Amino acid sequence: MSNTSTSALASRHCVPCEGGVKPLDPQAIDSLQGQVPGWEIVNGHHLRKSWKFPDFKTALAFVNRVAEVAESEGHHPDITVGWGKVEIALWTHAAGGLTENDFILAVRIDSLKL
């Protein structure tokens, strides 16, 4: 998908949600997937991506930058960090699956300079 689509998604912000929000249907997920290259759709339920780093300190610095973005958006990923690696999983817990918020946050995470 074009950078224009990604830029449009990146210009949006996560919308707070509480119970009653429905997850995206498979067709909507497919239409958004092209805007988050490198992110894997897992069982139609969540997004997942991994990064490699030269050491633990660099991986942790990346996690801290992700945390700042997540906190500013009010949308918090599950993050696993280890020596030289980070894995992030995104889904909207209140919806029990993927919402547009997950794709917005994925694009914002991808925009962080490594």
Protein backbone atom coordinates (compact mmCIF):
# COMPACT_ATOMS: atom_id res chain seq x y z
CA MET A 1 0.00 0.00 0.00
CA SER A 2 1.20 3.53 -0.58
CA ASN A 3 2.95 5.80 1.90
CA THR A 4 0.00 8.17 1.53
CA SER A 5 -2.26 5.59 3.19
CA THR A 6 0.28 4.97 5.92
CA SER A 7 0.69 8.72 6.46
CA ALA A 8 -3.09 9.11 6.73
CA LEU A 9 -3.23 6.40 9.38
CA ALA A 10 -0.22 7.91 11.19
CA SER A 11 -1.97 11.27 11.38
CA ARG A 12 -4.86 9.72 13.33
CA HIS A 13 -4.94 9.12 17.06
CA CYS A 14 -6.27 6.24 19.08
CA VAL A 15 -9.82 6.66 20.32
CA PRO A 16 -10.49 5.55 23.89
CA CYS A 17 -12.81 2.59 24.03
CA GLU A 18 -14.50 0.67 26.76
CA GLY A 19 -16.72 -2.38 26.65
CA GLY A 20 -19.11 -2.78 23.74
CA VAL A 21 -16.59 -2.02 20.98
CA LYS A 22 -16.58 -4.74 18.33
CA PRO A 23 -13.37 -6.02 16.78
CA LEU A 24 -12.76 -5.45 13.08
CA ASP A 25 -14.10 -8.01 10.65
CA PRO A 26 -11.63 -9.98 8.48
CA GLN A 27 -12.24 -7.75 5.45
CA ALA A 28 -11.44 -4.57 7.42
CA ILE A 29 -8.32 -6.23 8.86
CA ASP A 30 -7.17 -7.15 5.35
CA SER A 31 -7.67 -3.58 4.14
CA LEU A 32 -5.53 -2.17 6.97
CA GLN A 33 -2.81 -4.84 6.93
CA GLY A 34 -1.05 -3.27 3.95
CA GLN A 35 -0.52 -0.11 6.00
CA VAL A 36 1.55 -1.94 8.62
CA PRO A 37 4.29 -3.78 6.70
CA GLY A 38 6.20 -6.28 8.79
CA TRP A 39 3.38 -6.75 11.28
CA GLU A 40 1.91 -10.24 11.34
CA ILE A 41 -1.81 -10.77 11.85
CA VAL A 42 -2.13 -13.62 14.34
CA ASN A 43 -5.36 -15.64 14.18
CA GLY A 44 -7.26 -12.51 13.12
CA HIS A 45 -6.94 -11.41 16.74
CA HIS A 46 -3.76 -9.39 17.16
CA LEU A 47 -0.77 -7.82 15.45
CA ARG A 48 2.76 -8.97 16.24
CA LYS A 49 6.19 -7.73 15.25
CA SER A 50 9.74 -8.42 16.43
CA TRP A 51 12.90 -6.34 16.31
CA LYS A 52 16.55 -7.28 16.85
CA PHE A 53 19.07 -5.03 18.61
CA PRO A 54 22.79 -5.28 19.32
CA ASP A 55 22.29 -5.54 23.10
CA PHE A 56 19.82 -5.32 25.97
CA LYS A 57 20.36 -1.62 26.61
CA THR A 58 19.42 -0.67 23.04
CA ALA A 59 16.37 -2.95 23.11
CA LEU A 60 15.24 -1.39 26.39
CA ALA A 61 15.72 2.14 25.02
CA PHE A 62 13.41 1.22 22.12
CA VAL A 63 10.84 -0.17 24.56
CA ASN A 64 10.93 3.07 26.54
CA ARG A 65 10.25 5.07 23.36
CA VAL A 66 7.38 2.73 22.49
CA ALA A 67 6.02 3.22 26.01
CA GLU A 68 5.99 7.01 25.54
CA VAL A 69 4.01 6.69 22.30
CA ALA A 70 1.63 4.15 23.82
CA GLU A 71 1.03 6.31 26.88
CA SER A 72 0.36 9.40 24.74
CA GLU A 73 -2.19 7.40 22.72
CA GLY A 74 -3.77 5.73 25.76
CA HIS A 75 -3.36 2.38 24.00
CA HIS A 76 -0.90 -0.07 25.53
CA PRO A 77 0.74 -3.02 23.77
CA ASP A 78 2.04 -6.20 25.30
CA ILE A 79 5.83 -5.96 25.12
CA THR A 80 8.40 -8.71 25.60
CA VAL A 81 11.99 -7.58 25.90
CA GLY A 82 15.15 -9.66 26.15
CA TRP A 83 18.81 -9.41 25.29
CA GLY A 84 18.88 -7.96 21.80
CA LYS A 85 15.21 -8.47 21.00
CA VAL A 86 11.78 -6.93 21.44
CA GLU A 87 8.42 -8.37 20.49
CA ILE A 88 5.23 -6.33 20.54
CA ALA A 89 1.68 -7.63 20.38
CA LEU A 90 -1.24 -5.27 19.80
CA TRP A 91 -4.95 -5.82 20.19
CA THR A 92 -7.77 -3.96 21.85
CA HIS A 93 -8.54 -5.84 25.02
CA ALA A 94 -11.94 -4.13 25.48
CA ALA A 95 -12.97 -5.36 22.01
CA GLY A 96 -11.43 -8.80 22.32
CA GLY A 97 -9.54 -8.36 19.07
CA LEU A 98 -8.22 -5.87 16.55
CA THR A 99 -9.56 -2.35 16.13
CA GLU A 100 -8.28 0.57 14.10
CA ASN A 101 -6.43 1.74 17.24
CA ASP A 102 -4.07 -1.21 16.90
CA PHE A 103 -3.13 -0.27 13.36
CA ILE A 104 -2.69 3.39 14.32
CA LEU A 105 -0.33 2.45 17.15
CA ALA A 106 1.58 0.01 14.90
CA VAL A 107 2.23 2.80 12.38
CA ARG A 108 3.32 5.13 15.18
CA ILE A 109 5.70 2.50 16.56
CA ASP A 110 7.14 1.94 13.09
CA SER A 111 7.80 5.67 12.78
CA LEU A 112 10.21 5.61 15.72
CA LYS A 113 13.82 5.93 14.59
CA LEU A 114 15.75 2.79 15.42
